[in-house]
């Protein structure tokens, strides 16, 4: 049985690990946000970003901006 990786929310610790282990030289996506930028985030900013991503996932609603 295949488990869909999107079936459960990403934990803040999983997000923290991904950011930590992704090369800072990674190219930013359409938002212009790079991993180098994310590596500089404080814990409070990381938590706010995680909360926003979780809300987007849970509601399937993406902000216009």
PDB file of N, CA and C in Angstrom:
ATOM      1  N   UNK A   1       0.848  -1.182   0.000  1.00  0.00           N
ATOM      2  CA  UNK A   1       0.000   0.000   0.000  1.00  0.00           C
ATOM      3  C   UNK A   1       0.886   1.236   0.000  1.00  0.00           C
ATOM      4  N   UNK A   2       0.597   2.171  -0.888  1.00  0.00           N
ATOM      5  CA  UNK A   2       1.373   3.403  -1.003  1.00  0.00           C
ATOM      6  C   UNK A   2       0.755   4.485  -0.126  1.00  0.00           C
ATOM      7  N   UNK A   3       1.544   5.095   0.717  1.00  0.00           N
ATOM      8  CA  UNK A   3       1.070   6.179   1.571  1.00  0.00           C
ATOM      9  C   UNK A   3       1.393   7.500   0.899  1.00  0.00           C
ATOM     10  N   UNK A   4       0.386   8.302   0.662  1.00  0.00           N
ATOM     11  CA  UNK A   4       0.573   9.608   0.051  1.00  0.00           C
ATOM     12  C   UNK A   4       1.281  10.523   1.054  1.00  0.00           C
ATOM     13  N   UNK A   5       2.403  11.106   0.640  1.00  0.00           N
ATOM     14  CA  UNK A   5       3.183  11.943   1.556  1.00  0.00           C
ATOM     15  C   UNK A   5       2.447  13.212   1.935  1.00  0.00           C
ATOM     16  N   UNK A   6       1.415  13.570   1.199  1.00  0.00           N
ATOM     17  CA  UNK A   6       0.649  14.764   1.547  1.00  0.00           C
ATOM     18  C   UNK A   6      -0.523  14.460   2.470  1.00  0.00           C
ATOM     19  N   UNK A   7      -0.649  13.215   2.895  1.00  0.00           N
ATOM     20  CA  UNK A   7      -1.786  12.841   3.734  1.00  0.00           C
ATOM     21  C   UNK A   7      -1.659  13.340   5.171  1.00  0.00           C
ATOM     22  N   UNK A   8      -0.477  13.701   5.585  1.00  0.00           N
ATOM     23  CA  UNK A   8      -0.309  14.242   6.932  1.00  0.00           C
ATOM     24  C   UNK A   8       0.502  15.533   6.852  1.00  0.00           C
ATOM     25  N   UNK A   9       0.211  16.454   7.767  1.00  0.00           N
ATOM     26  CA  UNK A   9       0.922  17.738   7.733  1.00  0.00           C
ATOM     27  C   UNK A   9       2.416  17.590   8.048  1.00  0.00           C
ATOM     28  N   UNK A  10       3.191  18.494   7.502  1.00  0.00           N
ATOM     29  CA  UNK A  10       4.621  18.547   7.798  1.00  0.00           C
ATOM     30  C   UNK A  10       4.776  19.151   9.189  1.00  0.00           C
ATOM     31  N   UNK A  11       5.569  18.511  10.027  1.00  0.00           N
ATOM     32  CA  UNK A  11       5.795  19.065  11.369  1.00  0.00           C
ATOM     33  C   UNK A  11       6.830  20.178  11.279  1.00  0.00           C
ATOM     34  N   UNK A  12       6.861  21.005  12.285  1.00  0.00           N
ATOM     35  CA  UNK A  12       7.848  22.087  12.304  1.00  0.00           C
ATOM     36  C   UNK A  12       9.263  21.509  12.352  1.00  0.00           C
ATOM     37  N   UNK A  13       9.430  20.377  13.043  1.00  0.00           N
ATOM     38  CA  UNK A  13      10.761  19.757  13.094  1.00  0.00           C
ATOM     39  C   UNK A  13      11.181  19.233  11.728  1.00  0.00           C
ATOM     40  N   UNK A  14      10.240  18.663  10.958  1.00  0.00           N
ATOM     41  CA  UNK A  14      10.557  18.216   9.601  1.00  0.00           C
ATOM     42  C   UNK A  14      10.953  19.394   8.724  1.00  0.00           C
ATOM     43  N   UNK A  15      10.224  20.495   8.841  1.00  0.00           N
ATOM     44  CA  UNK A  15      10.551  21.699   8.074  1.00  0.00           C
ATOM     45  C   UNK A  15      11.934  22.210   8.445  1.00  0.00           C
ATOM     46  N   UNK A  16      12.219  22.231   9.734  1.00  0.00           N
ATOM     47  CA  UNK A  16      13.525  22.681  10.224  1.00  0.00           C
ATOM     48  C   UNK A  16      14.662  21.826   9.650  1.00  0.00           C
ATOM     49  N   UNK A  17      14.478  20.513   9.614  1.00  0.00           N
ATOM     50  CA  UNK A  17      15.493  19.591   9.096  1.00  0.00           C
ATOM     51  C   UNK A  17      15.719  19.821   7.598  1.00  0.00           C
ATOM     52  N   UNK A  18      14.619  19.969   6.847  1.00  0.00           N
ATOM     53  CA  UNK A  18      14.745  20.195   5.401  1.00  0.00           C
ATOM     54  C   UNK A  18      15.516  21.484   5.131  1.00  0.00           C
ATOM     55  N   UNK A  19      15.168  22.539   5.822  1.00  0.00           N
ATOM     56  CA  UNK A  19      15.860  23.825   5.627  1.00  0.00           C
ATOM     57  C   UNK A  19      17.335  23.681   5.977  1.00  0.00           C
ATOM     58  N   UNK A  20      17.616  23.013   7.072  1.00  0.00           N
ATOM     59  CA  UNK A  20      19.006  22.857   7.529  1.00  0.00           C
ATOM     60  C   UNK A  20      19.845  22.070   6.526  1.00  0.00           C
ATOM     61  N   UNK A  21      19.272  21.034   5.916  1.00  0.00           N
ATOM     62  CA  UNK A  21      20.056  20.130   5.080  1.00  0.00           C
ATOM     63  C   UNK A  21      20.011  20.444   3.585  1.00  0.00           C
ATOM     64  N   UNK A  22      19.278  21.462   3.202  1.00  0.00           N
ATOM     65  CA  UNK A  22      19.244  21.851   1.791  1.00  0.00           C
ATOM     66  C   UNK A  22      20.354  22.873   1.556  1.00  0.00           C
ATOM     67  N   UNK A  23      21.106  22.710   0.480  1.00  0.00           N
ATOM     68  CA  UNK A  23      22.207  23.656   0.218  1.00  0.00           C
ATOM     69  C   UNK A  23      21.705  25.099   0.132  1.00  0.00           C
ATOM     70  N   UNK A  24      22.420  25.991   0.773  1.00  0.00           N
ATOM     71  CA  UNK A  24      22.049  27.409   0.762  1.00  0.00           C
ATOM     72  C   UNK A  24      22.158  27.993  -0.640  1.00  0.00           C
ATOM     73  N   UNK A  25      22.853  27.296  -1.528  1.00  0.00           N
ATOM     74  CA  UNK A  25      23.017  27.787  -2.893  1.00  0.00           C
ATOM     75  C   UNK A  25      21.848  27.406  -3.798  1.00  0.00           C
ATOM     76  N   UNK A  26      20.820  26.749  -3.236  1.00  0.00           N
ATOM     77  CA  UNK A  26      19.655  26.383  -4.030  1.00  0.00           C
ATOM     78  C   UNK A  26      19.007  27.632  -4.613  1.00  0.00           C
ATOM     79  N   UNK A  27      18.518  27.491  -5.824  1.00  0.00           N
ATOM     80  CA  UNK A  27      17.895  28.615  -6.527  1.00  0.00           C
ATOM     81  C   UNK A  27      16.495  28.843  -5.981  1.00  0.00           C
ATOM     82  N   UNK A  28      16.119  30.102  -5.750  1.00  0.00           N
ATOM     83  CA  UNK A  28      14.784  30.394  -5.251  1.00  0.00           C
ATOM     84  C   UNK A  28      13.707  30.047  -6.279  1.00  0.00           C
ATOM     85  N   UNK A  29      12.517  29.776  -5.782  1.00  0.00           N
ATOM     86  CA  UNK A  29      11.384  29.494  -6.652  1.00  0.00           C
ATOM     87  C   UNK A  29      10.699  30.780  -7.079  1.00  0.00           C
ATOM     88  N   UNK A  30       9.460  30.676  -7.537  1.00  0.00           N
ATOM     89  CA  UNK A  30       8.726  31.844  -8.025  1.00  0.00           C
ATOM     90  C   UNK A  30       8.584  32.959  -6.980  1.00  0.00           C
ATOM     91  N   UNK A  31       8.610  32.603  -5.712  1.00  0.00           N
ATOM     92  CA  UNK A  31       8.468  33.611  -4.658  1.00  0.00           C
ATOM     93  C   UNK A  31       9.739  34.435  -4.472  1.00  0.00           C
ATOM     94  N   UNK A  32      10.879  33.914  -4.975  1.00  0.00           N
ATOM     95  CA  UNK A  32      12.156  34.587  -4.766  1.00  0.00           C
ATOM     96  C   UNK A  32      12.806  34.213  -3.449  1.00  0.00           C
ATOM     97  N   UNK A  33      12.142  33.389  -2.658  1.00  0.00           N
ATOM     98  CA  UNK A  33      12.646  32.972  -1.350  1.00  0.00           C
ATOM     99  C   UNK A  33      13.634  31.825  -1.520  1.00  0.00           C
ATOM    100  N   UNK A  34      14.824  31.976  -1.000  1.00  0.00           N
ATOM    101  CA  UNK A  34      15.838  30.926  -1.119  1.00  0.00           C
ATOM    102  C   UNK A  34      16.049  30.237   0.229  1.00  0.00           C
ATOM    103  N   UNK A  35      16.685  29.069   0.168  1.00  0.00           N
ATOM    104  CA  UNK A  35      17.014  28.369   1.417  1.00  0.00           C
ATOM    105  C   UNK A  35      18.028  29.165   2.227  1.00  0.00           C
ATOM    106  N   UNK A  36      18.903  29.910   1.562  1.00  0.00           N
ATOM    107  CA  UNK A  36      19.858  30.756   2.284  1.00  0.00           C
ATOM    108  C   UNK A  36      19.105  31.761   3.158  1.00  0.00           C
ATOM    109  N   UNK A  37      18.023  32.313   2.618  1.00  0.00           N
ATOM    110  CA  UNK A  37      17.211  33.255   3.392  1.00  0.00           C
ATOM    111  C   UNK A  37      16.543  32.543   4.569  1.00  0.00           C
ATOM    112  N   UNK A  38      15.976  31.360   4.285  1.00  0.00           N
ATOM    113  CA  UNK A  38      15.272  30.625   5.340  1.00  0.00           C
ATOM    114  C   UNK A  38      16.214  30.199   6.457  1.00  0.00           C
ATOM    115  N   UNK A  39      17.456  29.912   6.129  1.00  0.00           N
ATOM    116  CA  UNK A  39      18.433  29.497   7.141  1.00  0.00           C
ATOM    117  C   UNK A  39      18.702  30.615   8.148  1.00  0.00           C
ATOM    118  N   UNK A  40      18.377  31.845   7.779  1.00  0.00           N
ATOM    119  CA  UNK A  40      18.589  32.994   8.667  1.00  0.00           C
ATOM    120  C   UNK A  40      17.368  33.320   9.528  1.00  0.00           C
ATOM    121  N   UNK A  41      16.267  32.642   9.304  1.00  0.00           N
ATOM    122  CA  UNK A  41      15.050  32.918  10.055  1.00  0.00           C
ATOM    123  C   UNK A  41      15.214  32.603  11.538  1.00  0.00           C
ATOM    124  N   UNK A  42      14.613  33.424  12.363  1.00  0.00           N
ATOM    125  CA  UNK A  42      14.544  33.129  13.799  1.00  0.00           C
ATOM    126  C   UNK A  42      13.514  32.021  14.000  1.00  0.00           C
ATOM    127  N   UNK A  43      13.497  31.444  15.180  1.00  0.00           N
ATOM    128  CA  UNK A  43      12.514  30.415  15.499  1.00  0.00           C
ATOM    129  C   UNK A  43      11.092  30.934  15.360  1.00  0.00           C
ATOM    130  N   UNK A  44      10.885  32.188  15.737  1.00  0.00           N
ATOM    131  CA  UNK A  44       9.554  32.794  15.652  1.00  0.00           C
ATOM    132  C   UNK A  44       9.095  32.915  14.194  1.00  0.00           C
ATOM    133  N   UNK A  45       9.989  33.324  13.313  1.00  0.00           N
ATOM    134  CA  UNK A  45       9.643  33.454  11.893  1.00  0.00           C
ATOM    135  C   UNK A  45       9.366  32.073  11.301  1.00  0.00           C
ATOM    136  N   UNK A  46      10.186  31.082  11.648  1.00  0.00           N
ATOM    137  CA  UNK A  46       9.977  29.725  11.158  1.00  0.00           C
ATOM    138  C   UNK A  46       8.607  29.202  11.599  1.00  0.00           C
ATOM    139  N   UNK A  47       8.237  29.448  12.836  1.00  0.00           N
ATOM    140  CA  UNK A  47       6.935  29.016  13.337  1.00  0.00           C
ATOM    141  C   UNK A  47       5.795  29.697  12.588  1.00  0.00           C
ATOM    142  N   UNK A  48       5.940  30.984  12.298  1.00  0.00           N
ATOM    143  CA  UNK A  48       4.904  31.713  11.550  1.00  0.00           C
ATOM    144  C   UNK A  48       4.772  31.158  10.133  1.00  0.00           C
ATOM    145  N   UNK A  49       5.900  30.882   9.490  1.00  0.00           N
ATOM    146  CA  UNK A  49       5.870  30.308   8.142  1.00  0.00           C
ATOM    147  C   UNK A  49       5.230  28.926   8.165  1.00  0.00           C
ATOM    148  N   UNK A  50       5.586  28.129   9.151  1.00  0.00           N
ATOM    149  CA  UNK A  50       5.009  26.786   9.288  1.00  0.00           C
ATOM    150  C   UNK A  50       3.501  26.874   9.483  1.00  0.00           C
ATOM    151  N   UNK A  51       3.062  27.789  10.341  1.00  0.00           N
ATOM    152  CA  UNK A  51       1.630  27.968  10.574  1.00  0.00           C
ATOM    153  C   UNK A  51       0.906  28.357   9.279  1.00  0.00           C
ATOM    154  N   UNK A  52       1.502  29.255   8.500  1.00  0.00           N
ATOM    155  CA  UNK A  52       0.891  29.690   7.240  1.00  0.00           C
ATOM    156  C   UNK A  52       0.815  28.536   6.249  1.00  0.00           C
ATOM    157  N   UNK A  53       1.890  27.762   6.122  1.00  0.00           N
ATOM    158  CA  UNK A  53       1.896  26.621   5.207  1.00  0.00           C
ATOM    159  C   UNK A  53       0.876  25.566   5.625  1.00  0.00           C
ATOM    160  N   UNK A  54       0.750  25.352   6.926  1.00  0.00           N
ATOM    161  CA  UNK A  54      -0.227  24.388   7.435  1.00  0.00           C
ATOM    162  C   UNK A  54      -1.641  24.854   7.127  1.00  0.00           C
ATOM    163  N   UNK A  55      -1.892  26.138   7.293  1.00  0.00           N
ATOM    164  CA  UNK A  55      -3.220  26.683   7.007  1.00  0.00           C
ATOM    165  C   UNK A  55      -3.538  26.551   5.511  1.00  0.00           C
ATOM    166  N   UNK A  56      -2.566  26.833   4.647  1.00  0.00           N
ATOM    167  CA  UNK A  56      -2.771  26.682   3.204  1.00  0.00           C
ATOM    168  C   UNK A  56      -3.103  25.227   2.886  1.00  0.00           C
ATOM    169  N   UNK A  57      -2.354  24.308   3.466  1.00  0.00           N
ATOM    170  CA  UNK A  57      -2.590  22.881   3.220  1.00  0.00           C
ATOM    171  C   UNK A  57      -3.970  22.461   3.704  1.00  0.00           C
ATOM    172  N   UNK A  58      -4.329  22.884   4.912  1.00  0.00           N
ATOM    173  CA  UNK A  58      -5.594  22.460   5.515  1.00  0.00           C
ATOM    174  C   UNK A  58      -6.818  23.033   4.803  1.00  0.00           C
ATOM    175  N   UNK A  59      -6.702  24.248   4.271  1.00  0.00           N
ATOM    176  CA  UNK A  59      -7.855  24.915   3.656  1.00  0.00           C
ATOM    177  C   UNK A  59      -7.835  24.850   2.129  1.00  0.00           C
ATOM    178  N   UNK A  60      -6.704  24.418   1.552  1.00  0.00           N
ATOM    179  CA  UNK A  60      -6.519  24.418   0.095  1.00  0.00           C
ATOM    180  C   UNK A  60      -6.770  25.803  -0.491  1.00  0.00           C
ATOM    181  N   UNK A  61      -6.462  26.814   0.292  1.00  0.00           N
ATOM    182  CA  UNK A  61      -6.673  28.199  -0.116  1.00  0.00           C
ATOM    183  C   UNK A  61      -5.327  28.905  -0.160  1.00  0.00           C
ATOM    184  N   UNK A  62      -4.960  29.409  -1.338  1.00  0.00           N
ATOM    185  CA  UNK A  62      -3.697  30.087  -1.513  1.00  0.00           C
ATOM    186  C   UNK A  62      -3.904  31.590  -1.573  1.00  0.00           C
ATOM    187  N   UNK A  63      -3.065  32.361  -0.896  1.00  0.00           N
ATOM    188  CA  UNK A  63      -3.213  33.819  -0.960  1.00  0.00           C
ATOM    189  C   UNK A  63      -2.931  34.321  -2.376  1.00  0.00           C
ATOM    190  N   UNK A  64      -3.603  35.397  -2.776  1.00  0.00           N
ATOM    191  CA  UNK A  64      -3.402  35.976  -4.105  1.00  0.00           C
ATOM    192  C   UNK A  64      -1.977  36.486  -4.299  1.00  0.00           C
ATOM    193  N   UNK A  65      -1.343  36.920  -3.260  1.00  0.00           N
ATOM    194  CA  UNK A  65      -0.001  37.485  -3.358  1.00  0.00           C
ATOM    195  C   UNK A  65       1.010  36.424  -3.137  1.00  0.00           C
TER     196      UNK A  65
END
